[in-house]
N, C-alpha and C. Protein backbone atom coordinates (compact mmCIF):
# COMPACT_ATOMS: atom_id res chain seq x y z
N MET A 1 -9.26 -49.50 19.83
CA MET A 1 -7.83 -49.39 19.70
C MET A 1 -7.50 -48.32 18.66
N ALA A 2 -6.33 -47.70 18.77
CA ALA A 2 -5.95 -46.64 17.84
C ALA A 2 -4.66 -47.03 17.10
N GLU A 3 -4.60 -46.66 15.83
CA GLU A 3 -3.42 -46.91 15.01
C GLU A 3 -2.44 -45.76 15.20
N ASP A 4 -1.21 -46.09 15.56
CA ASP A 4 -0.18 -45.09 15.83
C ASP A 4 0.53 -44.72 14.53
N LEU A 5 0.55 -43.43 14.21
CA LEU A 5 1.27 -42.95 13.03
C LEU A 5 2.66 -42.45 13.38
N GLY A 6 3.05 -42.58 14.64
CA GLY A 6 4.40 -42.23 15.06
C GLY A 6 4.55 -40.80 15.54
N PRO A 7 5.73 -40.51 16.10
CA PRO A 7 6.01 -39.14 16.56
C PRO A 7 6.43 -38.25 15.39
N TRP A 8 5.99 -37.01 15.42
CA TRP A 8 6.30 -36.04 14.36
C TRP A 8 6.78 -34.74 14.99
N PRO A 9 7.67 -34.00 14.30
CA PRO A 9 8.01 -32.65 14.76
C PRO A 9 6.76 -31.77 14.72
N PRO A 10 6.69 -30.76 15.56
CA PRO A 10 5.46 -29.95 15.65
C PRO A 10 4.95 -29.39 14.32
N ALA A 11 5.83 -28.85 13.48
CA ALA A 11 5.38 -28.26 12.22
C ALA A 11 4.78 -29.33 11.31
N GLN A 12 5.41 -30.47 11.23
CA GLN A 12 4.91 -31.54 10.38
C GLN A 12 3.63 -32.15 10.95
N ALA A 13 3.56 -32.27 12.28
CA ALA A 13 2.36 -32.82 12.90
C ALA A 13 1.15 -31.92 12.63
N THR A 14 1.37 -30.62 12.64
CA THR A 14 0.27 -29.69 12.37
C THR A 14 -0.28 -29.91 10.97
N VAL A 15 0.62 -30.03 9.98
CA VAL A 15 0.18 -30.25 8.60
C VAL A 15 -0.48 -31.61 8.47
N LEU A 16 0.09 -32.64 9.10
CA LEU A 16 -0.49 -33.98 9.03
C LEU A 16 -1.91 -33.98 9.61
N LEU A 17 -2.10 -33.35 10.75
CA LEU A 17 -3.44 -33.30 11.36
C LEU A 17 -4.43 -32.56 10.47
N GLU A 18 -3.99 -31.46 9.84
CA GLU A 18 -4.88 -30.73 8.95
C GLU A 18 -5.30 -31.58 7.75
N VAL A 19 -4.33 -32.30 7.17
CA VAL A 19 -4.60 -33.14 6.00
C VAL A 19 -5.56 -34.26 6.38
N LEU A 20 -5.35 -34.89 7.53
CA LEU A 20 -6.22 -35.98 7.95
C LEU A 20 -7.64 -35.48 8.24
N LYS A 21 -7.74 -34.30 8.85
CA LYS A 21 -9.06 -33.75 9.15
C LYS A 21 -9.80 -33.36 7.87
N LYS A 22 -9.08 -32.83 6.87
CA LYS A 22 -9.70 -32.49 5.59
C LYS A 22 -10.26 -33.74 4.90
N ALA A 23 -9.60 -34.87 5.13
CA ALA A 23 -10.04 -36.12 4.51
C ALA A 23 -11.19 -36.76 5.28
N GLY A 24 -11.63 -36.15 6.36
CA GLY A 24 -12.77 -36.67 7.12
C GLY A 24 -12.39 -37.68 8.19
N LEU A 25 -11.13 -37.76 8.55
CA LEU A 25 -10.69 -38.69 9.59
C LEU A 25 -10.66 -37.99 10.94
N ASP A 26 -10.56 -38.77 12.01
CA ASP A 26 -10.54 -38.23 13.36
C ASP A 26 -9.18 -38.49 14.02
N PRO A 27 -8.14 -37.72 13.68
CA PRO A 27 -6.83 -37.95 14.29
C PRO A 27 -6.77 -37.41 15.71
N ASP A 28 -5.86 -37.97 16.48
CA ASP A 28 -5.63 -37.53 17.86
C ASP A 28 -4.14 -37.25 17.99
N ALA A 29 -3.79 -36.25 18.75
CA ALA A 29 -2.38 -35.89 18.90
C ALA A 29 -2.06 -35.66 20.37
N LYS A 30 -0.88 -36.14 20.79
CA LYS A 30 -0.39 -35.94 22.15
C LYS A 30 1.08 -35.57 22.08
N ARG A 31 1.46 -34.62 22.90
CA ARG A 31 2.87 -34.19 22.94
C ARG A 31 3.66 -35.18 23.80
N THR A 32 4.79 -35.64 23.26
CA THR A 32 5.70 -36.52 23.99
C THR A 32 7.11 -35.96 23.88
N ARG A 33 8.06 -36.62 24.50
CA ARG A 33 9.46 -36.18 24.40
C ARG A 33 10.00 -36.32 22.99
N GLU A 34 9.51 -37.32 22.27
CA GLU A 34 9.98 -37.56 20.90
C GLU A 34 9.36 -36.61 19.90
N GLY A 35 8.26 -35.97 20.23
CA GLY A 35 7.56 -35.08 19.33
C GLY A 35 6.07 -35.16 19.56
N ILE A 36 5.30 -34.95 18.53
CA ILE A 36 3.84 -35.04 18.61
C ILE A 36 3.43 -36.44 18.15
N GLN A 37 2.81 -37.21 19.03
CA GLN A 37 2.37 -38.58 18.72
C GLN A 37 0.99 -38.50 18.08
N VAL A 38 0.89 -38.93 16.83
CA VAL A 38 -0.36 -38.85 16.08
C VAL A 38 -0.95 -40.26 15.98
N THR A 39 -2.24 -40.38 16.31
CA THR A 39 -2.96 -41.65 16.21
C THR A 39 -4.30 -41.42 15.52
N VAL A 40 -4.83 -42.50 14.93
CA VAL A 40 -6.16 -42.49 14.32
C VAL A 40 -6.87 -43.77 14.76
N PRO A 41 -8.21 -43.79 14.74
CA PRO A 41 -8.93 -45.04 15.07
C PRO A 41 -8.54 -46.16 14.10
N ASP A 42 -8.57 -47.40 14.59
CA ASP A 42 -8.16 -48.56 13.78
C ASP A 42 -8.91 -48.65 12.45
N GLU A 43 -10.21 -48.37 12.46
CA GLU A 43 -10.99 -48.51 11.23
C GLU A 43 -10.59 -47.46 10.18
N GLN A 44 -9.89 -46.40 10.60
CA GLN A 44 -9.45 -45.36 9.67
C GLN A 44 -7.96 -45.49 9.33
N ALA A 45 -7.29 -46.52 9.83
CA ALA A 45 -5.84 -46.66 9.68
C ALA A 45 -5.41 -46.75 8.22
N ASP A 46 -6.09 -47.57 7.42
CA ASP A 46 -5.71 -47.72 6.01
C ASP A 46 -5.86 -46.40 5.25
N ASP A 47 -6.97 -45.70 5.50
CA ASP A 47 -7.17 -44.41 4.86
C ASP A 47 -6.11 -43.40 5.31
N ALA A 48 -5.78 -43.43 6.59
CA ALA A 48 -4.78 -42.50 7.13
C ALA A 48 -3.42 -42.73 6.48
N HIS A 49 -3.01 -43.98 6.32
CA HIS A 49 -1.73 -44.28 5.68
C HIS A 49 -1.74 -43.84 4.21
N ARG A 50 -2.86 -44.07 3.53
CA ARG A 50 -2.97 -43.67 2.13
C ARG A 50 -2.87 -42.15 2.01
N ILE A 51 -3.55 -41.42 2.88
CA ILE A 51 -3.53 -39.95 2.86
C ILE A 51 -2.13 -39.44 3.24
N LEU A 52 -1.52 -40.11 4.20
CA LEU A 52 -0.16 -39.73 4.61
C LEU A 52 0.81 -39.84 3.44
N VAL A 53 0.77 -40.94 2.72
CA VAL A 53 1.66 -41.14 1.57
C VAL A 53 1.34 -40.14 0.47
N ALA A 54 0.07 -39.88 0.22
CA ALA A 54 -0.32 -38.97 -0.85
C ALA A 54 0.10 -37.53 -0.56
N ASN A 55 0.20 -37.17 0.71
CA ASN A 55 0.54 -35.79 1.07
C ASN A 55 1.92 -35.66 1.69
N MET A 56 2.79 -36.62 1.45
CA MET A 56 4.11 -36.59 2.06
C MET A 56 4.93 -35.36 1.65
N ASP A 57 4.79 -34.91 0.41
CA ASP A 57 5.53 -33.72 -0.03
C ASP A 57 5.12 -32.49 0.77
N GLU A 58 3.83 -32.33 0.97
CA GLU A 58 3.32 -31.19 1.74
C GLU A 58 3.79 -31.25 3.19
N ILE A 59 3.81 -32.44 3.76
CA ILE A 59 4.25 -32.61 5.16
C ILE A 59 5.75 -32.35 5.26
N ALA A 60 6.52 -32.84 4.29
CA ALA A 60 7.96 -32.61 4.31
C ALA A 60 8.28 -31.13 4.13
N GLN A 61 7.49 -30.44 3.32
CA GLN A 61 7.71 -29.01 3.11
C GLN A 61 7.55 -28.24 4.41
N ALA A 62 6.69 -28.69 5.30
CA ALA A 62 6.48 -28.02 6.58
C ALA A 62 7.76 -28.05 7.43
N ALA A 63 8.58 -29.07 7.24
CA ALA A 63 9.83 -29.15 8.00
C ALA A 63 10.85 -28.16 7.48
N ARG A 64 10.75 -27.80 6.18
CA ARG A 64 11.74 -26.90 5.59
C ARG A 64 11.41 -25.43 5.79
N THR A 65 10.15 -25.09 5.95
CA THR A 65 9.77 -23.70 6.12
C THR A 65 9.92 -23.30 7.57
N PRO A 66 10.36 -22.06 7.83
CA PRO A 66 10.51 -21.62 9.22
C PRO A 66 9.17 -21.51 9.91
N ALA A 67 9.18 -21.80 11.21
CA ALA A 67 7.96 -21.74 12.01
C ALA A 67 7.50 -20.31 12.16
N LYS A 68 6.20 -20.09 12.11
CA LYS A 68 5.64 -18.76 12.28
C LYS A 68 4.89 -18.70 13.59
N GLY A 69 4.51 -17.50 13.98
CA GLY A 69 3.77 -17.36 15.23
C GLY A 69 4.73 -17.10 16.37
N ARG A 70 4.48 -17.73 17.49
CA ARG A 70 5.36 -17.50 18.62
C ARG A 70 6.74 -18.04 18.28
N GLY A 71 7.76 -17.51 18.91
CA GLY A 71 9.14 -17.84 18.58
C GLY A 71 9.41 -19.32 18.57
N SER A 72 10.13 -19.77 17.58
CA SER A 72 10.45 -21.18 17.51
C SER A 72 11.63 -21.49 18.42
N ARG A 73 11.57 -22.63 19.04
CA ARG A 73 12.65 -23.03 19.93
C ARG A 73 13.73 -23.73 19.12
N PRO A 74 14.98 -23.69 19.61
CA PRO A 74 16.03 -24.40 18.88
C PRO A 74 15.76 -25.90 18.87
N SER A 75 16.17 -26.55 17.81
CA SER A 75 15.89 -27.98 17.70
C SER A 75 16.66 -28.77 18.75
N GLU A 76 16.09 -29.89 19.14
CA GLU A 76 16.69 -30.71 20.18
C GLU A 76 17.97 -31.38 19.72
N SER A 77 18.17 -31.47 18.39
CA SER A 77 19.37 -32.14 17.89
C SER A 77 20.61 -31.28 18.08
N ARG A 78 20.43 -29.99 18.25
CA ARG A 78 21.59 -29.12 18.47
C ARG A 78 22.09 -29.30 19.88
N SER A 79 23.38 -29.30 20.04
CA SER A 79 23.96 -29.48 21.37
C SER A 79 23.92 -28.16 22.14
N ARG A 80 24.16 -28.24 23.41
CA ARG A 80 24.16 -27.02 24.23
C ARG A 80 25.27 -26.07 23.80
N ALA A 81 26.38 -26.60 23.37
CA ALA A 81 27.49 -25.75 22.93
C ALA A 81 27.10 -24.94 21.71
N GLN A 82 26.30 -25.50 20.82
CA GLN A 82 25.87 -24.77 19.65
C GLN A 82 24.84 -23.71 20.01
N ARG A 83 24.04 -23.97 21.04
CA ARG A 83 23.02 -23.00 21.45
C ARG A 83 23.60 -21.88 22.30
N ALA A 84 24.73 -22.12 22.95
CA ALA A 84 25.32 -21.12 23.84
C ALA A 84 25.78 -19.92 23.03
N PRO A 85 25.55 -18.71 23.52
CA PRO A 85 26.00 -17.54 22.79
C PRO A 85 27.52 -17.47 22.75
N ARG A 86 28.02 -16.98 21.64
CA ARG A 86 29.47 -16.84 21.51
C ARG A 86 29.92 -15.70 22.41
N PRO A 87 31.07 -15.85 23.05
CA PRO A 87 31.53 -14.79 23.92
C PRO A 87 31.86 -13.53 23.12
N THR A 88 31.43 -12.41 23.63
CA THR A 88 31.72 -11.14 22.98
C THR A 88 32.80 -10.41 23.75
N SER A 89 33.24 -9.30 23.20
CA SER A 89 34.31 -8.57 23.86
C SER A 89 33.87 -8.05 25.23
N GLU A 90 32.56 -7.79 25.41
CA GLU A 90 32.09 -7.31 26.70
C GLU A 90 32.14 -8.40 27.77
N SER A 91 31.99 -9.66 27.36
CA SER A 91 31.95 -10.73 28.33
C SER A 91 33.30 -11.41 28.53
N SER A 92 34.33 -10.98 27.79
CA SER A 92 35.63 -11.61 27.93
C SER A 92 36.35 -11.06 29.17
N LEU A 93 37.31 -11.82 29.62
CA LEU A 93 38.06 -11.42 30.80
C LEU A 93 38.95 -10.22 30.50
N PRO A 94 39.28 -9.41 31.52
CA PRO A 94 40.15 -8.25 31.28
C PRO A 94 41.50 -8.65 30.70
N THR A 95 42.06 -9.78 31.13
CA THR A 95 43.36 -10.19 30.59
C THR A 95 43.26 -10.54 29.12
N GLU A 96 42.12 -11.11 28.68
CA GLU A 96 41.95 -11.41 27.27
C GLU A 96 41.87 -10.13 26.45
N ARG A 97 41.19 -9.13 26.98
CA ARG A 97 41.10 -7.84 26.26
C ARG A 97 42.47 -7.20 26.16
N LEU A 98 43.26 -7.25 27.25
CA LEU A 98 44.61 -6.66 27.21
C LEU A 98 45.51 -7.41 26.24
N THR A 99 45.37 -8.71 26.18
CA THR A 99 46.18 -9.50 25.25
C THR A 99 45.85 -9.14 23.81
N ARG A 100 44.58 -8.90 23.52
CA ARG A 100 44.20 -8.51 22.15
C ARG A 100 44.73 -7.12 21.80
N LEU A 101 44.87 -6.27 22.80
CA LEU A 101 45.34 -4.91 22.54
C LEU A 101 46.86 -4.80 22.56
N ALA A 102 47.58 -5.84 22.96
CA ALA A 102 49.03 -5.76 23.14
C ALA A 102 49.75 -5.38 21.84
N ARG A 103 49.49 -6.05 20.74
CA ARG A 103 50.20 -5.76 19.49
C ARG A 103 49.92 -4.35 18.97
N PRO A 104 48.63 -3.92 18.88
CA PRO A 104 48.41 -2.54 18.42
C PRO A 104 49.02 -1.49 19.34
N LEU A 105 48.96 -1.71 20.66
CA LEU A 105 49.56 -0.74 21.59
C LEU A 105 51.08 -0.71 21.44
N GLY A 106 51.70 -1.87 21.30
CA GLY A 106 53.15 -1.93 21.09
C GLY A 106 53.53 -1.22 19.81
N LEU A 107 52.79 -1.45 18.74
CA LEU A 107 53.07 -0.78 17.47
C LEU A 107 52.91 0.73 17.59
N LEU A 108 51.91 1.18 18.33
CA LEU A 108 51.69 2.61 18.53
C LEU A 108 52.85 3.24 19.29
N ILE A 109 53.34 2.58 20.31
CA ILE A 109 54.47 3.11 21.09
C ILE A 109 55.72 3.19 20.23
N VAL A 110 56.01 2.15 19.47
CA VAL A 110 57.18 2.16 18.58
C VAL A 110 57.02 3.26 17.53
N LEU A 111 55.83 3.40 16.98
CA LEU A 111 55.57 4.44 15.99
C LEU A 111 55.84 5.82 16.56
N LEU A 112 55.36 6.09 17.78
CA LEU A 112 55.58 7.40 18.39
C LEU A 112 57.06 7.65 18.68
N LEU A 113 57.79 6.63 19.09
CA LEU A 113 59.23 6.78 19.33
C LEU A 113 59.98 7.08 18.04
N VAL A 114 59.67 6.35 16.98
CA VAL A 114 60.35 6.56 15.70
C VAL A 114 60.02 7.92 15.13
N VAL A 115 58.76 8.32 15.19
CA VAL A 115 58.35 9.63 14.67
C VAL A 115 59.02 10.74 15.48
N GLY A 116 59.16 10.54 16.78
CA GLY A 116 59.81 11.56 17.62
C GLY A 116 61.29 11.71 17.31
N LEU A 117 61.95 10.66 16.88
CA LEU A 117 63.39 10.70 16.58
C LEU A 117 63.69 10.96 15.11
N ALA A 118 62.69 10.92 14.24
CA ALA A 118 62.92 10.93 12.81
C ALA A 118 63.29 12.29 12.23
N GLY A 119 62.89 13.35 12.81
CA GLY A 119 63.20 14.67 12.26
C GLY A 119 62.37 14.98 11.04
N PRO A 120 63.03 15.17 9.86
CA PRO A 120 62.29 15.61 8.66
C PRO A 120 61.36 14.53 8.07
N LEU A 121 61.52 13.26 8.44
CA LEU A 121 60.67 12.18 7.90
C LEU A 121 59.45 11.89 8.77
N ARG A 122 59.11 12.81 9.65
CA ARG A 122 58.01 12.56 10.59
C ARG A 122 56.68 12.29 9.91
N LEU A 123 56.30 13.14 8.97
CA LEU A 123 54.99 13.00 8.35
C LEU A 123 54.85 11.69 7.57
N PRO A 124 55.80 11.32 6.67
CA PRO A 124 55.64 10.04 5.97
C PRO A 124 55.65 8.85 6.93
N LEU A 125 56.50 8.87 7.94
CA LEU A 125 56.54 7.78 8.90
C LEU A 125 55.24 7.69 9.71
N LEU A 126 54.67 8.82 10.04
CA LEU A 126 53.41 8.84 10.77
C LEU A 126 52.28 8.24 9.93
N VAL A 127 52.23 8.59 8.63
CA VAL A 127 51.20 8.07 7.74
C VAL A 127 51.36 6.55 7.57
N ILE A 128 52.60 6.09 7.35
CA ILE A 128 52.86 4.66 7.20
C ILE A 128 52.53 3.91 8.49
N GLY A 129 52.88 4.48 9.62
CA GLY A 129 52.62 3.84 10.91
C GLY A 129 51.13 3.72 11.21
N VAL A 130 50.39 4.78 10.94
CA VAL A 130 48.94 4.73 11.17
C VAL A 130 48.30 3.70 10.24
N GLY A 131 48.77 3.63 8.99
CA GLY A 131 48.27 2.62 8.06
C GLY A 131 48.55 1.20 8.56
N ALA A 132 49.77 0.98 9.07
CA ALA A 132 50.13 -0.34 9.60
C ALA A 132 49.27 -0.67 10.83
N LEU A 133 49.04 0.31 11.67
CA LEU A 133 48.21 0.10 12.86
C LEU A 133 46.79 -0.30 12.46
N ILE A 134 46.22 0.38 11.50
CA ILE A 134 44.88 0.05 11.03
C ILE A 134 44.85 -1.35 10.42
N TYR A 135 45.89 -1.72 9.66
CA TYR A 135 45.98 -3.04 9.06
C TYR A 135 46.01 -4.14 10.13
N PHE A 136 46.84 -3.97 11.14
CA PHE A 136 46.94 -5.00 12.18
C PHE A 136 45.66 -5.13 12.99
N ILE A 137 45.01 -4.02 13.28
CA ILE A 137 43.74 -4.08 14.02
C ILE A 137 42.67 -4.78 13.17
N GLY A 138 42.64 -4.50 11.87
CA GLY A 138 41.68 -5.18 10.99
C GLY A 138 41.93 -6.67 10.89
N LYS A 139 43.20 -7.06 10.76
CA LYS A 139 43.53 -8.49 10.71
C LYS A 139 43.15 -9.19 12.00
N GLN A 140 43.36 -8.53 13.11
CA GLN A 140 43.01 -9.12 14.41
C GLN A 140 41.50 -9.31 14.51
N ALA A 141 40.73 -8.35 14.05
CA ALA A 141 39.28 -8.47 14.07
C ALA A 141 38.81 -9.62 13.18
N GLN A 142 39.46 -9.81 12.04
CA GLN A 142 39.11 -10.92 11.15
C GLN A 142 39.39 -12.26 11.83
N ARG A 143 40.52 -12.37 12.52
CA ARG A 143 40.87 -13.62 13.20
C ARG A 143 39.87 -13.92 14.31
N GLU A 144 39.42 -12.91 15.02
CA GLU A 144 38.45 -13.12 16.11
C GLU A 144 37.10 -13.56 15.58
N ASN A 145 36.72 -13.10 14.39
CA ASN A 145 35.43 -13.48 13.80
C ASN A 145 35.50 -14.80 13.07
N GLY A 146 36.67 -15.37 12.95
CA GLY A 146 36.81 -16.66 12.28
C GLY A 146 37.04 -16.54 10.79
N ASP A 147 37.12 -15.32 10.26
CA ASP A 147 37.40 -15.11 8.83
C ASP A 147 38.91 -15.09 8.66
N ARG A 148 39.40 -15.80 7.69
CA ARG A 148 40.85 -15.77 7.46
C ARG A 148 41.14 -15.41 6.04
């Protein structure tokens, strides 16, 4: 019979298996849906628990350090919505892109009309209008990125 040490995340199971093997024990590991199932022979169970407790800090540290080697997969605790890529401007609908451009385009049209009718105040109005246009486009970009 084998003593079950429970399911472990892959990084922690790797460290646990190394620690048990260094101590001269014969651990066995199987991949399950819950994680890596680690077992040891019954006659080694007491030693395995003692070694597990003595090396708990090292095993816990394995969970905090990023996985190396082949790419790590996202954790199962994250939902699909969190894993889904955020929509970018290239993947948005044409109507969404036009809606985002409506305010800057409207401001540009009004700016050109005012500058065309202003006469001697054309240059200062043009500078102020371009500044306002840049400000509104920047604020819109901040809102889209979630920065406020």
